[in-house]
PDB file of N, CA and C in Angstrom:
ATOM      1  N   UNK A   1      -2.903   9.847 -12.119  1.00  0.00           N
ATOM      2  CA  UNK A   1      -3.309   9.209 -12.977  1.00  0.00           C
ATOM      3  C   UNK A   1      -2.067   8.808 -11.891  1.00  0.00           C
ATOM      4  N   UNK A   2      -2.173   6.968 -11.244  1.00  0.00           N
ATOM      5  CA  UNK A   2      -0.296   6.576 -10.640  1.00  0.00           C
ATOM      6  C   UNK A   2       0.871   6.815 -11.931  1.00  0.00           C
ATOM      7  N   UNK A   3       1.710   6.187 -11.988  1.00  0.00           N
ATOM      8  CA  UNK A   3       2.695   6.213 -12.407  1.00  0.00           C
ATOM      9  C   UNK A   3       2.414   4.568 -12.838  1.00  0.00           C
ATOM     10  N   UNK A   4       1.409   3.888 -13.330  1.00  0.00           N
ATOM     11  CA  UNK A   4       1.262   2.462 -13.701  1.00  0.00           C
ATOM     12  C   UNK A   4       1.548   2.077 -12.770  1.00  0.00           C
ATOM     13  N   UNK A   5       1.502   1.965 -10.844  1.00  0.00           N
ATOM     14  CA  UNK A   5       1.641   1.855  -9.510  1.00  0.00           C
ATOM     15  C   UNK A   5       3.203   0.738  -9.980  1.00  0.00           C
ATOM     16  N   UNK A   6       3.764   1.740  -9.911  1.00  0.00           N
ATOM     17  CA  UNK A   6       5.361   1.435  -9.983  1.00  0.00           C
ATOM     18  C   UNK A   6       5.099   1.393  -8.615  1.00  0.00           C
ATOM     19  N   UNK A   7       6.660   0.595  -8.716  1.00  0.00           N
ATOM     20  CA  UNK A   7       7.146   0.372  -7.248  1.00  0.00           C
ATOM     21  C   UNK A   7       8.256   1.047  -6.642  1.00  0.00           C
ATOM     22  N   UNK A   8       8.726   2.120  -5.907  1.00  0.00           N
ATOM     23  CA  UNK A   8       9.858   2.771  -5.852  1.00  0.00           C
ATOM     24  C   UNK A   8      10.626   1.979  -5.539  1.00  0.00           C
ATOM     25  N   UNK A   9      12.016   1.537  -5.888  1.00  0.00           N
ATOM     26  CA  UNK A   9      13.218   1.142  -5.909  1.00  0.00           C
ATOM     27  C   UNK A   9      13.549   1.743  -3.978  1.00  0.00           C
ATOM     28  N   UNK A  10      13.538   3.013  -4.046  1.00  0.00           N
ATOM     29  CA  UNK A  10      14.160   3.527  -3.185  1.00  0.00           C
ATOM     30  C   UNK A  10      13.471   3.133  -2.094  1.00  0.00           C
ATOM     31  N   UNK A  11      12.504   3.461  -1.747  1.00  0.00           N
ATOM     32  CA  UNK A  11      11.819   3.230  -0.317  1.00  0.00           C
ATOM     33  C   UNK A  11      10.661   1.981  -0.169  1.00  0.00           C
ATOM     34  N   UNK A  12      10.464   1.745  -1.795  1.00  0.00           N
ATOM     35  CA  UNK A  12       9.411   0.508  -1.974  1.00  0.00           C
ATOM     36  C   UNK A  12       8.127   0.782  -1.919  1.00  0.00           C
ATOM     37  N   UNK A  13       7.416   2.295  -1.654  1.00  0.00           N
ATOM     38  CA  UNK A  13       6.222   2.724  -2.111  1.00  0.00           C
ATOM     39  C   UNK A  13       5.533   2.070  -3.312  1.00  0.00           C
ATOM     40  N   UNK A  14       4.292   1.501  -3.678  1.00  0.00           N
ATOM     41  CA  UNK A  14       4.136   1.791  -4.970  1.00  0.00           C
ATOM     42  C   UNK A  14       2.791   2.811  -5.099  1.00  0.00           C
ATOM     43  N   UNK A  15       3.312   3.635  -5.995  1.00  0.00           N
ATOM     44  CA  UNK A  15       2.026   4.739  -6.590  1.00  0.00           C
ATOM     45  C   UNK A  15       1.251   4.272  -6.714  1.00  0.00           C
ATOM     46  N   UNK A  16       0.270   4.572  -5.854  1.00  0.00           N
ATOM     47  CA  UNK A  16      -1.358   4.734  -6.184  1.00  0.00           C
ATOM     48  C   UNK A  16      -2.012   5.829  -5.989  1.00  0.00           C
ATOM     49  N   UNK A  17      -1.677   7.368  -6.775  1.00  0.00           N
ATOM     50  CA  UNK A  17      -1.656   8.111  -6.851  1.00  0.00           C
ATOM     51  C   UNK A  17      -2.138   8.904  -5.474  1.00  0.00           C
ATOM     52  N   UNK A  18      -1.302   8.705  -4.697  1.00  0.00           N
ATOM     53  CA  UNK A  18      -2.126   9.405  -3.152  1.00  0.00           C
ATOM     54  C   UNK A  18      -1.659  10.418  -3.188  1.00  0.00           C
ATOM     55  N   UNK A  19      -1.492  11.827  -3.254  1.00  0.00           N
ATOM     56  CA  UNK A  19      -0.388  12.508  -2.445  1.00  0.00           C
ATOM     57  C   UNK A  19      -0.508  13.691  -1.126  1.00  0.00           C
ATOM     58  N   UNK A  20      -0.494  14.738  -1.493  1.00  0.00           N
ATOM     59  CA  UNK A  20      -0.081  15.747  -0.377  1.00  0.00           C
ATOM     60  C   UNK A  20      -1.182  16.291   0.046  1.00  0.00           C
ATOM     61  N   UNK A  21      -2.262  16.149  -0.563  1.00  0.00           N
ATOM     62  CA  UNK A  21      -3.653  16.112  -0.157  1.00  0.00           C
ATOM     63  C   UNK A  21      -5.167  15.302   0.013  1.00  0.00           C
ATOM     64  N   UNK A  22      -4.531  14.091   0.390  1.00  0.00           N
ATOM     65  CA  UNK A  22      -5.001  13.179   1.230  1.00  0.00           C
ATOM     66  C   UNK A  22      -3.935  11.920   1.679  1.00  0.00           C
ATOM     67  N   UNK A  23      -2.809  12.537   2.095  1.00  0.00           N
ATOM     68  CA  UNK A  23      -1.496  11.655   2.782  1.00  0.00           C
ATOM     69  C   UNK A  23      -1.966  11.482   4.151  1.00  0.00           C
ATOM     70  N   UNK A  24      -3.036  11.932   4.662  1.00  0.00           N
ATOM     71  CA  UNK A  24      -3.216  10.522   5.772  1.00  0.00           C
ATOM     72  C   UNK A  24      -4.263   9.992   5.904  1.00  0.00           C
ATOM     73  N   UNK A  25      -4.394   9.927   4.685  1.00  0.00           N
ATOM     74  CA  UNK A  25      -5.701   8.790   4.589  1.00  0.00           C
ATOM     75  C   UNK A  25      -5.144   7.395   4.469  1.00  0.00           C
ATOM     76  N   UNK A  26      -5.646   5.881   4.663  1.00  0.00           N
ATOM     77  CA  UNK A  26      -5.621   4.893   4.768  1.00  0.00           C
ATOM     78  C   UNK A  26      -6.068   4.441   3.782  1.00  0.00           C
ATOM     79  N   UNK A  27      -6.136   4.607   2.425  1.00  0.00           N
ATOM     80  CA  UNK A  27      -6.471   3.498   1.256  1.00  0.00           C
ATOM     81  C   UNK A  27      -6.194   2.351   1.105  1.00  0.00           C
ATOM     82  N   UNK A  28      -5.670   1.610   1.684  1.00  0.00           N
ATOM     83  CA  UNK A  28      -5.370   0.132   1.811  1.00  0.00           C
ATOM     84  C   UNK A  28      -5.351  -0.756   0.045  1.00  0.00           C
ATOM     85  N   UNK A  29      -5.339  -0.101  -0.463  1.00  0.00           N
ATOM     86  CA  UNK A  29      -4.508  -1.059  -2.122  1.00  0.00           C
ATOM     87  C   UNK A  29      -3.217  -1.219  -1.793  1.00  0.00           C
ATOM     88  N   UNK A  30      -2.758  -1.168  -2.830  1.00  0.00           N
ATOM     89  CA  UNK A  30      -1.687  -1.328  -2.831  1.00  0.00           C
ATOM     90  C   UNK A  30      -0.225  -1.155  -1.331  1.00  0.00           C
ATOM     91  N   UNK A  31      -0.452  -0.382  -1.171  1.00  0.00           N
ATOM     92  CA  UNK A  31       0.296  -0.283  -0.229  1.00  0.00           C
ATOM     93  C   UNK A  31      -0.384  -0.499   2.226  1.00  0.00           C
ATOM     94  N   UNK A  32      -1.437  -1.619   1.457  1.00  0.00           N
ATOM     95  CA  UNK A  32      -1.640  -1.951   2.787  1.00  0.00           C
ATOM     96  C   UNK A  32      -2.407  -1.237   3.234  1.00  0.00           C
ATOM     97  N   UNK A  33      -2.597  -1.161   4.958  1.00  0.00           N
ATOM     98  CA  UNK A  33      -2.512  -0.483   6.380  1.00  0.00           C
ATOM     99  C   UNK A  33      -1.957   1.187   5.778  1.00  0.00           C
ATOM    100  N   UNK A  34      -1.019   1.030   5.348  1.00  0.00           N
ATOM    101  CA  UNK A  34       0.153   2.535   4.723  1.00  0.00           C
ATOM    102  C   UNK A  34      -0.578   3.890   4.407  1.00  0.00           C
ATOM    103  N   UNK A  35      -0.509   4.908   5.233  1.00  0.00           N
ATOM    104  CA  UNK A  35      -1.019   6.216   4.406  1.00  0.00           C
ATOM    105  C   UNK A  35       0.447   6.861   3.792  1.00  0.00           C
ATOM    106  N   UNK A  36       0.274   7.654   3.399  1.00  0.00           N
ATOM    107  CA  UNK A  36       1.494   8.341   2.230  1.00  0.00           C
ATOM    108  C   UNK A  36       2.378   8.561   3.824  1.00  0.00           C
ATOM    109  N   UNK A  37       1.653   9.741   4.657  1.00  0.00           N
ATOM    110  CA  UNK A  37       2.389  10.387   5.504  1.00  0.00           C
ATOM    111  C   UNK A  37       3.026   9.042   6.285  1.00  0.00           C
ATOM    112  N   UNK A  38       2.168   7.943   7.086  1.00  0.00           N
ATOM    113  CA  UNK A  38       3.007   6.979   7.842  1.00  0.00           C
ATOM    114  C   UNK A  38       4.394   6.386   6.661  1.00  0.00           C
ATOM    115  N   UNK A  39       4.380   5.959   5.373  1.00  0.00           N
ATOM    116  CA  UNK A  39       5.437   5.573   5.114  1.00  0.00           C
ATOM    117  C   UNK A  39       6.400   6.744   4.680  1.00  0.00           C
ATOM    118  N   UNK A  40       6.196   8.089   4.954  1.00  0.00           N
ATOM    119  CA  UNK A  40       6.862   9.005   4.592  1.00  0.00           C
ATOM    120  C   UNK A  40       7.664   8.758   6.165  1.00  0.00           C
ATOM    121  N   UNK A  41       7.067   8.815   6.727  1.00  0.00           N
ATOM    122  CA  UNK A  41       8.019   8.609   8.524  1.00  0.00           C
ATOM    123  C   UNK A  41       8.520   7.785   8.936  1.00  0.00           C
ATOM    124  N   UNK A  42       8.325   6.748   8.421  1.00  0.00           N
ATOM    125  CA  UNK A  42       8.637   5.242   8.446  1.00  0.00           C
ATOM    126  C   UNK A  42      10.092   5.716   7.711  1.00  0.00           C
ATOM    127  N   UNK A  43       9.877   6.213   6.576  1.00  0.00           N
ATOM    128  CA  UNK A  43      11.147   6.188   5.619  1.00  0.00           C
ATOM    129  C   UNK A  43      12.892   6.887   6.150  1.00  0.00           C
ATOM    130  N   UNK A  44      12.147   8.209   6.068  1.00  0.00           N
ATOM    131  CA  UNK A  44      12.842   8.803   7.216  1.00  0.00           C
ATOM    132  C   UNK A  44      13.684   8.447   8.671  1.00  0.00           C
ATOM    133  N   UNK A  45      12.779   6.822   9.139  1.00  0.00           N
ATOM    134  CA  UNK A  45      13.417   6.324  10.233  1.00  0.00           C
ATOM    135  C   UNK A  45      14.458   5.338  10.050  1.00  0.00           C
ATOM    136  N   UNK A  46      13.806   4.293   8.549  1.00  0.00           N
ATOM    137  CA  UNK A  46      14.798   3.364   8.191  1.00  0.00           C
ATOM    138  C   UNK A  46      14.624   3.048   6.874  1.00  0.00           C
ATOM    139  N   UNK A  47      14.102   3.775   6.178  1.00  0.00           N
ATOM    140  CA  UNK A  47      14.922   4.287   4.990  1.00  0.00           C
ATOM    141  C   UNK A  47      14.011   3.017   3.656  1.00  0.00           C
ATOM    142  N   UNK A  48      12.792   2.972   4.270  1.00  0.00           N
ATOM    143  CA  UNK A  48      12.018   2.554   3.308  1.00  0.00           C
ATOM    144  C   UNK A  48      11.104   2.714   4.151  1.00  0.00           C
ATOM    145  N   UNK A  49       9.798   2.406   3.371  1.00  0.00           N
ATOM    146  CA  UNK A  49       8.380   2.870   3.515  1.00  0.00           C
ATOM    147  C   UNK A  49       7.715   2.183   4.964  1.00  0.00           C
ATOM    148  N   UNK A  50       7.972   0.898   5.390  1.00  0.00           N
ATOM    149  CA  UNK A  50       7.604   0.105   5.644  1.00  0.00           C
ATOM    150  C   UNK A  50       9.187  -0.488   6.484  1.00  0.00           C
ATOM    151  N   UNK A  51       8.635  -0.915   7.673  1.00  0.00           N
ATOM    152  CA  UNK A  51      10.555  -1.651   8.039  1.00  0.00           C
ATOM    153  C   UNK A  51      10.478  -3.082   7.534  1.00  0.00           C
ATOM    154  N   UNK A  52       9.275  -3.529   7.054  1.00  0.00           N
ATOM    155  CA  UNK A  52       9.316  -4.515   6.261  1.00  0.00           C
ATOM    156  C   UNK A  52      10.738  -5.458   4.361  1.00  0.00           C
ATOM    157  N   UNK A  53      10.251  -3.561   4.519  1.00  0.00           N
ATOM    158  CA  UNK A  53      10.860  -3.545   3.208  1.00  0.00           C
ATOM    159  C   UNK A  53      12.092  -2.943   2.904  1.00  0.00           C
ATOM    160  N   UNK A  54      13.402  -3.271   4.090  1.00  0.00           N
ATOM    161  CA  UNK A  54      14.265  -2.768   4.357  1.00  0.00           C
ATOM    162  C   UNK A  54      15.281  -3.411   3.764  1.00  0.00           C
ATOM    163  N   UNK A  55      15.038  -4.590   3.937  1.00  0.00           N
ATOM    164  CA  UNK A  55      16.185  -5.979   3.169  1.00  0.00           C
ATOM    165  C   UNK A  55      16.170  -5.206   0.959  1.00  0.00           C
ATOM    166  N   UNK A  56      14.486  -4.695   1.040  1.00  0.00           N
ATOM    167  CA  UNK A  56      14.487  -4.806  -0.243  1.00  0.00           C
ATOM    168  C   UNK A  56      14.644  -3.276  -0.785  1.00  0.00           C
ATOM    169  N   UNK A  57      15.124  -2.795  -0.349  1.00  0.00           N
ATOM    170  CA  UNK A  57      14.934  -1.115  -0.860  1.00  0.00           C
ATOM    171  C   UNK A  57      16.894  -0.539  -1.525  1.00  0.00           C
ATOM    172  N   UNK A  58      17.642   0.112  -2.087  1.00  0.00           N
ATOM    173  CA  UNK A  58      18.833   0.845  -2.621  1.00  0.00           C
ATOM    174  C   UNK A  58      18.647   1.655  -1.965  1.00  0.00           C
ATOM    175  N   UNK A  59      19.909   2.411  -1.973  1.00  0.00           N
ATOM    176  CA  UNK A  59      20.154   4.313  -1.868  1.00  0.00           C
ATOM    177  C   UNK A  59      19.963   4.535  -3.258  1.00  0.00           C
ATOM    178  N   UNK A  60      18.900   6.268  -2.627  1.00  0.00           N
ATOM    179  CA  UNK A  60      19.095   6.862  -3.593  1.00  0.00           C
ATOM    180  C   UNK A  60      20.140   7.485  -4.438  1.00  0.00           C
ATOM    181  N   UNK A  61      19.788   7.715  -5.874  1.00  0.00           N
ATOM    182  CA  UNK A  61      20.925   8.265  -6.921  1.00  0.00           C
ATOM    183  C   UNK A  61      21.228   9.868  -6.723  1.00  0.00           C
ATOM    184  N   UNK A  62      21.747  10.279  -6.686  1.00  0.00           N
ATOM    185  CA  UNK A  62      21.775  12.072  -6.341  1.00  0.00           C
ATOM    186  C   UNK A  62      20.364  12.758  -7.214  1.00  0.00           C
ATOM    187  N   UNK A  63      20.198  12.589  -8.279  1.00  0.00           N
ATOM    188  CA  UNK A  63      18.892  12.878  -9.232  1.00  0.00           C
ATOM    189  C   UNK A  63      17.380  12.226  -8.690  1.00  0.00           C
ATOM    190  N   UNK A  64      17.823  11.275  -7.773  1.00  0.00           N
ATOM    191  CA  UNK A  64      15.948  11.026  -6.944  1.00  0.00           C
ATOM    192  C   UNK A  64      16.018  11.827  -5.668  1.00  0.00           C
ATOM    193  N   UNK A  65      16.790  12.422  -4.930  1.00  0.00           N
ATOM    194  CA  UNK A  65      17.053  12.918  -3.601  1.00  0.00           C
ATOM    195  C   UNK A  65      15.835  14.268  -4.549  1.00  0.00           C
ATOM    196  N   UNK A  66      15.342  13.990  -3.040  1.00  0.00           N
ATOM    197  CA  UNK A  66      13.754  15.044  -2.915  1.00  0.00           C
ATOM    198  C   UNK A  66      14.025  16.759  -2.383  1.00  0.00           C
ATOM    199  N   UNK A  67      13.867  17.352  -3.530  1.00  0.00           N
ATOM    200  CA  UNK A  67      14.857  18.612  -2.452  1.00  0.00           C
ATOM    201  C   UNK A  67      13.937  19.161  -1.489  1.00  0.00           C
ATOM    202  N   UNK A  68      12.988  19.112  -0.529  1.00  0.00           N
ATOM    203  CA  UNK A  68      12.416  19.097   0.572  1.00  0.00           C
ATOM    204  C   UNK A  68      13.068  18.573   1.072  1.00  0.00           C
ATOM    205  N   UNK A  69      13.015  19.370   3.272  1.00  0.00           N
ATOM    206  CA  UNK A  69      13.837  17.847   4.231  1.00  0.00           C
ATOM    207  C   UNK A  69      12.349  17.572   4.374  1.00  0.00           C
ATOM    208  N   UNK A  70      11.470  18.012   4.918  1.00  0.00           N
ATOM    209  CA  UNK A  70      10.186  17.228   4.845  1.00  0.00           C
ATOM    210  C   UNK A  70       9.438  15.938   4.958  1.00  0.00           C
ATOM    211  N   UNK A  71      10.717  15.288   3.431  1.00  0.00           N
ATOM    212  CA  UNK A  71      10.120  13.706   3.240  1.00  0.00           C
ATOM    213  C   UNK A  71      11.142  13.153   3.892  1.00  0.00           C
TER     214      UNK A  71
END
């Protein structure tokens, strides 16, 4: 179950319950036409799940940085 469709202030991804097992699927839910994989790629490049959201995101706090380098 998603964390009550929580919106991440760091990347502006809204939690819709998608995870690694279906990360390439485009669900067309709260995240529109983005798959989780695409949102992750965008974050690496733009520091936001979608370039449209760059103005809304904030820098992650140390405890929010995911330890894996592939995200």
